[in-house]
Amino acid sequence: MRAAFEMEQKRLLVIPHFPPLPHVVVRGQALALGLASDFDVLLLSWYYDPLEESSAARRYASRLSGLFKRRLVRRWNEIRIVETPLLYARRPDSGLVRWINTRIVRGVVEELGVDLVLNELSLVDCADLRRPYLIDIVDLPSERDMRQWRRQAEGAVGRVTVTGGIREELRKEGIEAEVIGNGADVERLRTADGAAVRRRYDLDGRFVIAYIGNHAEWSGLLFLLDVFKQLRTRIREAALLIVGPGSEIPRAKEKRDRERIEAVCFTGPVDASEVAEFFAASDMGVLPFEQDPHANLSFPIKVVEYHAARKPVVASPLRVLQEIGLSGVVLAERRVDSWTNAIERLRNMNWRPEWDEEIAEYDWRRLSSRLSALIRSGLALSP
């Protein structure tokens, strides 16, 4: 797997840690697009109910019903997406889910002539796929998942993770990995026009604070509403634009209505092809994550995207944000007064041209180029 890999384009199957959805930027999907210049890329997708507000019964019914749907291959930009039946459960009770998924993916690999695999999903065991593979560990693994990643790491031709904090945890388990962080489509975010979004949501003349992403229980959305309620006593023209879906949205709407917090707009899910306009429509971004061990070792894509769009950010002091030290990002402890003061200070911040250079290394194209080099290096050394 040697010089031949340098002579012709090989077929690469990318298995993301989360199924690609229209309103979510998925790391595996972004890397797959960048890898298409060097490989014939297939991106695995599966049937999944994106409505996190739905009941547990509905979620499990949706996942089980997906097993009976037909496989579909479709072209998307420079890659092909393979939609296939797959079981997706964040905390499987046994190895049965992984065993089923691995056999399904092995069928994809054999039928579509896949040469190598990049895997981010612990629910597929690449050690049983009979192809060279790399692993990309995107989140802090649970104890069960760590055992699975340890098994896969032994036979992998390359190992990647997203933050230095996760790499340290992996080293404790004997897994060495190279850090390739999350990124942004820098050009798209810098050239987007937010005028139409401002008109649509009546934001002209407002100081717009945007929280863009998936608003799950760890997102800090309720805390942000407390901050904004106090901020409005100081900046009457402030508006809070909450973009995207999530399990916290119903509770946040109820809190807004109960406490009569004005100038808060919920857009719901926004197609990923349109989200750049929402960054452009904002004056600043926020990321009020709770600081549990999982979140503290994560790499939030949205902070990089705010910075790429030249928007200052107030964020929780997550470890990775302290390490990368982007100049347009102010870290504030999760106290209402600290956040209110930080937002007020950032209101009149002038973006400096030299800050653009800081984000260049986090462009998805550059990150994909690094990953491509790692893949080729690993294949050249494999037996």
Protein backbone atom coordinates (compact mmCIF):
# COMPACT_ATOMS: atom_id res chain seq x y z
CA MET A 1 0.00 0.00 0.00
CA ARG A 2 2.89 1.86 -0.92
CA ALA A 3 3.78 3.59 -4.16
CA ALA A 4 0.56 2.37 -5.76
CA PHE A 5 -1.37 4.73 -3.52
CA GLU A 6 0.62 7.61 -4.95
CA MET A 7 -0.02 6.56 -8.55
CA GLU A 8 -3.80 6.51 -8.67
CA GLN A 9 -6.69 7.97 -6.76
CA LYS A 10 -8.03 5.54 -4.19
CA ARG A 11 -11.58 5.24 -2.92
CA LEU A 12 -11.93 6.51 0.64
CA LEU A 13 -14.98 5.90 2.84
CA VAL A 14 -15.44 8.53 5.57
CA ILE A 15 -17.61 7.48 8.53
CA PRO A 16 -18.53 10.65 10.49
CA HIS A 17 -19.25 10.64 14.22
CA PHE A 18 -22.71 12.05 13.51
CA PRO A 19 -24.89 11.66 10.42
CA PRO A 20 -24.71 14.62 8.02
CA LEU A 21 -27.83 16.75 8.37
CA PRO A 22 -28.93 19.80 6.36
CA HIS A 23 -28.67 22.18 9.36
CA VAL A 24 -25.52 20.83 11.05
CA VAL A 25 -21.83 21.28 10.13
CA VAL A 26 -20.33 17.83 10.68
CA ARG A 27 -16.54 17.51 10.98
CA GLY A 28 -16.37 14.34 8.91
CA GLN A 29 -18.42 15.94 6.15
CA ALA A 30 -16.19 19.04 6.00
CA LEU A 31 -13.01 16.93 5.95
CA ALA A 32 -14.48 14.64 3.28
CA LEU A 33 -15.01 17.60 0.94
CA GLY A 34 -11.42 18.70 1.43
CA LEU A 35 -10.05 15.18 0.86
CA ALA A 36 -11.84 14.95 -2.51
CA SER A 37 -8.88 16.57 -4.26
CA ASP A 38 -6.72 13.54 -3.38
CA PHE A 39 -9.21 10.67 -3.06
CA ASP A 40 -12.44 9.36 -4.55
CA VAL A 41 -14.48 10.10 -1.42
CA LEU A 42 -17.63 8.37 -0.19
CA LEU A 43 -19.31 9.83 2.92
CA LEU A 44 -21.41 7.46 4.98
CA SER A 45 -24.79 8.69 6.16
CA TRP A 46 -27.66 6.95 7.90
CA TYR A 47 -31.29 7.46 8.74
CA TYR A 48 -31.72 9.47 11.92
CA ASP A 49 -34.51 11.56 13.48
CA PRO A 50 -32.95 15.02 13.97
CA LEU A 51 -35.74 16.27 16.23
CA GLU A 52 -34.10 15.98 19.64
CA GLU A 53 -37.26 17.33 21.23
CA SER A 54 -39.09 14.16 20.18
CA SER A 55 -39.75 11.35 22.65
CA ALA A 56 -37.29 8.53 23.32
CA ALA A 57 -39.82 6.10 21.85
CA ARG A 58 -39.95 8.09 18.62
CA ARG A 59 -36.15 8.27 18.39
CA TYR A 60 -35.68 4.53 18.83
CA ALA A 61 -38.54 3.73 16.44
CA SER A 62 -36.93 5.97 13.84
CA ARG A 63 -33.55 4.30 14.24
CA LEU A 64 -34.97 0.79 14.02
CA SER A 65 -37.09 1.65 10.98
CA GLY A 66 -33.95 2.92 9.27
CA LEU A 67 -32.63 -0.64 9.17
CA PHE A 68 -35.31 -1.55 6.65
CA LYS A 69 -34.65 1.29 4.22
CA ARG A 70 -32.76 0.81 0.98
CA ARG A 71 -29.21 1.97 0.44
CA LEU A 72 -28.88 5.09 -1.70
CA VAL A 73 -25.80 6.65 -3.30
CA ARG A 74 -26.03 10.25 -4.45
CA ARG A 75 -23.61 12.89 -5.69
CA TRP A 76 -23.04 15.91 -3.44
CA ASN A 77 -20.52 18.51 -4.61
CA GLU A 78 -17.21 16.70 -5.19
CA ILE A 79 -18.09 13.58 -3.19
CA ARG A 80 -20.77 10.90 -3.05
CA ILE A 81 -22.96 10.30 -0.03
CA VAL A 82 -23.85 6.70 0.80
CA GLU A 83 -27.11 6.60 2.74
CA THR A 84 -27.37 3.21 4.40
CA PRO A 85 -29.27 1.51 7.21
CA LEU A 86 -27.30 1.84 10.46
CA LEU A 87 -28.08 1.67 14.15
CA TYR A 88 -27.15 4.85 16.00
CA ALA A 89 -27.19 4.85 19.80
CA ARG A 90 -24.97 7.07 21.90
CA ARG A 91 -24.81 4.62 24.81
CA PRO A 92 -25.27 1.07 23.51
CA ASP A 93 -25.93 -1.52 26.21
CA SER A 94 -24.02 -4.29 24.43
CA GLY A 95 -21.79 -5.00 21.47
CA LEU A 96 -24.81 -6.02 19.39
CA VAL A 97 -25.24 -2.53 17.85
CA ARG A 98 -21.57 -2.41 16.91
CA TRP A 99 -21.67 -5.95 15.48
CA ILE A 100 -24.67 -5.13 13.26
CA ASN A 101 -23.20 -1.83 12.09
CA THR A 102 -19.84 -3.35 11.28
CA ARG A 103 -21.43 -5.98 9.06
CA ILE A 104 -23.50 -3.34 7.30
CA VAL A 105 -20.45 -1.18 6.65
CA ARG A 106 -18.42 -4.19 5.51
CA GLY A 107 -21.09 -4.75 2.86
CA VAL A 108 -20.71 -1.12 1.72
CA VAL A 109 -16.93 -1.47 1.60
CA GLU A 110 -17.03 -4.64 -0.48
CA GLU A 111 -19.87 -3.68 -2.83
CA LEU A 112 -18.57 -0.19 -3.60
CA GLY A 113 -14.92 -1.14 -3.90
CA VAL A 114 -13.63 0.94 -0.99
CA ASP A 115 -9.82 0.94 -0.63
CA LEU A 116 -9.48 2.59 2.78
CA VAL A 117 -11.60 3.98 5.61
CA LEU A 118 -11.52 7.04 7.87
CA ASN A 119 -13.64 6.27 10.94
CA GLU A 120 -15.00 8.69 13.57
CA LEU A 121 -17.79 6.43 14.85
CA SER A 122 -17.06 4.00 17.71
CA LEU A 123 -20.20 2.05 16.76
CA VAL A 124 -18.34 0.63 13.74
CA ASP A 125 -15.33 -1.63 14.30
CA CYS A 126 -12.87 -1.00 11.49
CA ALA A 127 -10.64 -3.81 12.70
CA ASP A 128 -13.18 -6.15 11.06
CA LEU A 129 -13.53 -4.32 7.74
CA ARG A 130 -10.50 -5.95 6.04
CA ARG A 131 -9.25 -2.64 4.68
CA PRO A 132 -6.58 -0.15 5.81
CA TYR A 133 -8.15 2.44 8.10
CA LEU A 134 -7.54 5.54 10.19
CA ILE A 135 -9.44 6.58 13.28
CA ASP A 136 -10.47 10.14 14.18
CA ILE A 137 -11.61 10.44 17.81
CA VAL A 138 -13.79 13.53 17.93
CA ASP A 139 -15.22 13.42 21.48
CA LEU A 140 -13.95 12.34 24.89
CA PRO A 141 -14.74 8.60 24.86
CA SER A 142 -16.75 6.87 27.54
CA GLU A 143 -15.10 3.92 29.30
CA ARG A 144 -16.87 1.51 26.94
CA ASP A 145 -15.93 3.50 23.84
CA MET A 146 -12.32 3.85 25.02
CA ARG A 147 -11.98 0.07 25.01
CA GLN A 148 -13.30 0.00 21.47
CA TRP A 149 -10.96 2.77 20.29
CA ARG A 150 -8.02 1.01 21.93
CA ARG A 151 -8.80 -2.11 19.91
CA GLN A 152 -9.10 -0.15 16.67
CA ALA A 153 -5.97 1.89 17.36
CA GLU A 154 -3.83 -1.25 17.33
CA GLY A 155 -4.47 -1.90 13.65
CA ALA A 156 -4.91 1.67 12.39
CA VAL A 157 -2.49 3.18 9.88
CA GLY A 158 -3.18 6.59 11.43
CA ARG A 159 -4.78 8.05 14.56
CA VAL A 160 -6.23 11.55 14.84
CA THR A 161 -8.07 13.48 17.50
CA VAL A 162 -9.48 16.97 17.74
CA THR A 163 -7.91 18.56 20.86
CA GLY A 164 -4.79 18.27 22.98
CA GLY A 165 -6.95 17.46 25.99
CA ILE A 166 -8.44 14.38 24.35
CA ARG A 167 -4.95 13.36 23.17
CA GLU A 168 -3.78 13.37 26.78
CA GLU A 169 -6.66 11.10 27.80
CA LEU A 170 -5.88 8.76 24.91
CA ARG A 171 -2.23 8.57 25.92
CA LYS A 172 -3.28 7.30 29.32
CA GLU A 173 -4.79 4.35 27.44
CA GLY A 174 -1.71 3.81 25.28
CA ILE A 175 -3.13 5.50 22.17
CA GLU A 176 -0.95 8.05 20.37
CA ALA A 177 -2.80 10.45 18.08
CA GLU A 178 -2.06 13.55 16.04
CA VAL A 179 -4.19 16.61 16.75
CA ILE A 180 -6.10 18.08 13.82
CA GLY A 181 -8.61 20.60 15.12
CA ASN A 182 -11.97 21.74 13.82
CA GLY A 183 -12.28 24.47 11.24
CA ALA A 184 -14.42 26.72 9.07
CA ASP A 185 -15.09 27.54 5.44
CA VAL A 186 -13.23 30.83 5.80
CA GLU A 187 -13.88 32.23 2.33
CA ARG A 188 -17.62 31.51 2.48
CA LEU A 189 -17.99 33.14 5.89
CA ARG A 190 -15.98 36.23 4.94
CA THR A 191 -17.92 36.94 1.76
CA ALA A 192 -21.47 36.28 3.02
CA ASP A 193 -24.03 39.09 3.10
CA GLY A 194 -26.32 39.32 6.12
CA ALA A 195 -28.59 42.14 4.92
CA ALA A 196 -31.48 39.85 3.96
CA VAL A 197 -31.37 38.09 7.34
CA ARG A 198 -31.47 41.41 9.17
CA ARG A 199 -34.52 42.47 7.19
CA ARG A 200 -36.28 39.12 7.62
CA TYR A 201 -35.98 39.21 11.41
CA ASP A 202 -36.37 42.99 11.82
CA LEU A 203 -32.80 43.48 13.05
CA ASP A 204 -31.84 46.66 11.20
CA GLY A 205 -30.52 49.22 13.68
CA ARG A 206 -30.02 46.54 16.35
CA PHE A 207 -26.87 45.34 18.09
CA VAL A 208 -27.23 41.65 17.19
CA ILE A 209 -25.80 38.95 19.44
CA ALA A 210 -25.97 35.56 17.72
CA TYR A 211 -25.89 32.10 19.22
CA ILE A 212 -25.64 29.69 16.30
CA GLY A 213 -25.53 25.93 16.72
CA ASN A 214 -27.24 22.91 18.25
CA HIS A 215 -28.76 23.98 21.56
CA ALA A 216 -28.66 20.83 23.69
CA GLU A 217 -28.68 20.63 27.48
CA TRP A 218 -24.99 21.58 27.75
CA SER A 219 -25.35 24.66 25.50
CA GLY A 220 -25.94 27.17 28.31
CA LEU A 221 -28.94 28.67 26.53
CA LEU A 222 -30.92 29.38 29.72
CA PHE A 223 -27.87 31.07 31.27
CA LEU A 224 -27.55 33.21 28.13
CA LEU A 225 -31.12 34.42 28.54
CA ASP A 226 -30.28 35.58 32.07
CA VAL A 227 -27.29 37.46 30.67
CA PHE A 228 -29.33 39.05 27.91
CA LYS A 229 -32.08 40.09 30.31
CA GLN A 230 -29.53 42.10 32.31
CA LEU A 231 -27.79 43.38 29.18
CA ARG A 232 -31.03 44.90 27.92
CA THR A 233 -31.05 47.24 30.91
CA ARG A 234 -27.79 48.68 29.58
CA ILE A 235 -28.13 48.32 25.78
CA ARG A 236 -31.76 48.79 24.77
CA GLU A 237 -31.04 48.20 21.07
CA ALA A 238 -29.55 44.75 21.75
CA ALA A 239 -31.20 41.75 20.08
CA LEU A 240 -30.50 38.06 20.69
CA LEU A 241 -30.67 35.82 17.60
CA ILE A 242 -30.77 32.10 18.46
CA VAL A 243 -30.14 30.04 15.35
CA GLY A 244 -30.58 26.28 15.13
CA PRO A 245 -32.42 23.37 16.77
CA GLY A 246 -31.91 21.62 20.09
CA SER A 247 -33.51 20.07 23.13
CA GLU A 248 -33.21 23.31 25.14
CA ILE A 249 -35.23 25.39 22.69
CA PRO A 250 -38.68 24.67 24.23
CA ARG A 251 -37.43 25.50 27.74
CA ALA A 252 -35.75 28.66 26.47
CA LYS A 253 -38.92 29.83 24.72
CA GLU A 254 -40.93 29.18 27.87
CA LYS A 255 -38.43 31.18 29.94
CA ARG A 256 -38.46 34.05 27.44
CA ASP A 257 -42.24 34.23 27.54
CA ARG A 258 -42.59 33.75 31.30
CA GLU A 259 -40.01 36.41 32.17
CA ARG A 260 -41.04 38.67 29.28
CA ILE A 261 -37.53 38.97 27.87
CA GLU A 262 -37.88 41.14 24.79
CA ALA A 263 -35.90 41.14 21.52
CA VAL A 264 -35.15 37.39 21.54
CA CYS A 265 -35.65 35.63 18.21
CA PHE A 266 -35.58 31.85 17.62
CA THR A 267 -35.06 30.93 13.96
CA GLY A 268 -35.23 27.15 14.28
CA PRO A 269 -33.06 24.94 12.03
CA VAL A 270 -31.28 26.73 9.18
CA ASP A 271 -29.84 24.94 6.16
CA ALA A 272 -26.05 24.74 6.33
CA SER A 273 -25.84 26.40 2.90
CA GLU A 274 -27.50 29.51 4.36
CA VAL A 275 -25.96 29.73 7.82
CA ALA A 276 -23.07 31.98 6.69
CA GLU A 277 -25.62 34.77 6.15
CA PHE A 278 -26.62 34.51 9.82
CA PHE A 279 -23.00 34.96 10.90
CA ALA A 280 -22.79 37.98 8.60
CA ALA A 281 -26.01 39.42 10.06
CA SER A 282 -24.63 39.40 13.61
CA ASP A 283 -22.45 41.92 15.38
CA MET A 284 -20.94 39.38 17.75
CA GLY A 285 -21.23 35.73 18.74
CA VAL A 286 -21.51 33.86 22.02
CA LEU A 287 -20.71 30.35 23.27
CA PRO A 288 -21.93 29.91 26.88
CA PHE A 289 -21.16 26.16 27.18
CA GLU A 290 -21.34 24.48 30.55
CA GLN A 291 -17.87 23.37 31.62
CA ASP A 292 -18.30 19.68 32.28
CA PRO A 293 -15.32 17.41 31.42
CA HIS A 294 -16.82 16.47 28.05
CA ALA A 295 -17.46 20.05 26.91
CA ASN A 296 -14.15 21.28 28.30
CA LEU A 297 -12.22 18.90 26.02
CA SER A 298 -14.36 19.58 22.95
CA PHE A 299 -13.51 21.88 20.03
CA PRO A 300 -16.60 24.00 19.24
CA ILE A 301 -16.70 24.66 15.50
CA LYS A 302 -18.84 27.77 15.91
CA VAL A 303 -16.11 29.79 17.64
CA VAL A 304 -13.83 29.29 14.63
CA GLU A 305 -16.70 30.22 12.31
CA TYR A 306 -17.45 33.44 14.23
CA HIS A 307 -13.78 34.38 14.00
CA ALA A 308 -13.65 33.55 10.29
CA ALA A 309 -16.66 35.84 9.79
CA ARG A 310 -14.77 38.60 11.65
CA LYS A 311 -17.18 38.64 14.59
CA PRO A 312 -15.88 39.01 18.17
CA VAL A 313 -16.97 36.25 20.55
CA VAL A 314 -17.64 35.90 24.26
CA ALA A 315 -17.20 32.26 25.28
CA SER A 316 -16.87 30.01 28.29
CA PRO A 317 -13.19 29.41 29.14
CA LEU A 318 -12.96 25.97 27.54
CA ARG A 319 -9.50 24.47 27.51
CA VAL A 320 -9.07 24.42 23.72
CA LEU A 321 -10.06 28.10 23.45
CA GLN A 322 -7.41 28.96 26.02
CA GLU A 323 -4.85 26.94 24.06
CA ILE A 324 -5.49 28.36 20.58
CA GLY A 325 -5.81 31.94 21.85
CA LEU A 326 -7.76 33.61 19.05
CA SER A 327 -7.55 37.39 19.52
CA GLY A 328 -11.22 38.04 18.75
CA VAL A 329 -12.40 35.64 21.45
CA VAL A 330 -12.91 36.86 25.03
CA LEU A 331 -13.25 34.13 27.66
CA ALA A 332 -15.55 34.89 30.59
CA GLU A 333 -16.48 32.85 33.65
CA ARG A 334 -20.12 31.76 33.57
CA ARG A 335 -21.51 34.48 35.81
CA VAL A 336 -24.17 36.86 34.61
CA ASP A 337 -22.23 39.99 35.58
CA SER A 338 -18.99 38.75 33.96
CA TRP A 339 -20.75 38.01 30.70
CA THR A 340 -22.73 41.22 30.66
CA ASN A 341 -19.57 43.26 31.18
CA ALA A 342 -17.66 41.30 28.52
CA ILE A 343 -20.39 41.80 25.90
CA GLU A 344 -20.57 45.51 26.68
CA ARG A 345 -16.78 45.85 26.26
CA LEU A 346 -16.79 43.98 22.96
CA ARG A 347 -19.58 46.06 21.51
CA ASN A 348 -17.20 48.67 20.14
CA MET A 349 -14.30 46.35 19.30
CA ASN A 350 -12.66 47.08 15.94
CA TRP A 351 -11.56 44.03 13.99
CA ARG A 352 -7.83 44.06 13.24
CA PRO A 353 -6.53 42.79 9.87
CA GLU A 354 -3.79 40.70 11.52
CA TRP A 355 -6.47 38.61 13.25
CA ASP A 356 -7.41 37.17 9.87
CA GLU A 357 -4.06 35.37 9.75
CA GLU A 358 -4.81 33.57 13.02
CA ILE A 359 -7.72 31.70 11.49
CA ALA A 360 -5.95 30.64 8.28
CA GLU A 361 -4.66 27.38 9.76
CA TYR A 362 -8.21 26.43 10.74
CA ASP A 363 -9.60 26.56 7.20
CA TRP A 364 -11.13 23.17 6.40
CA ARG A 365 -9.08 22.95 3.22
CA ARG A 366 -5.81 23.30 5.10
CA LEU A 367 -6.90 20.82 7.77
CA SER A 368 -7.93 18.33 5.07
CA SER A 369 -4.54 18.74 3.42
CA ARG A 370 -2.84 17.82 6.69
CA LEU A 371 -5.09 14.80 7.06
CA SER A 372 -4.42 13.73 3.47
CA ALA A 373 -0.68 13.80 4.13
CA LEU A 374 -1.18 11.71 7.26
CA ILE A 375 -3.26 9.17 5.32
CA ARG A 376 -0.65 8.81 2.60
CA SER A 377 2.15 8.54 5.14
CA GLY A 378 0.31 5.82 7.04
CA LEU A 379 -0.45 3.86 3.88
CA ALA A 380 3.17 4.05 2.74
CA LEU A 381 4.30 2.51 6.04
CA SER A 382 1.58 -0.16 6.26
CA PRO A 383 2.52 -3.76 5.41
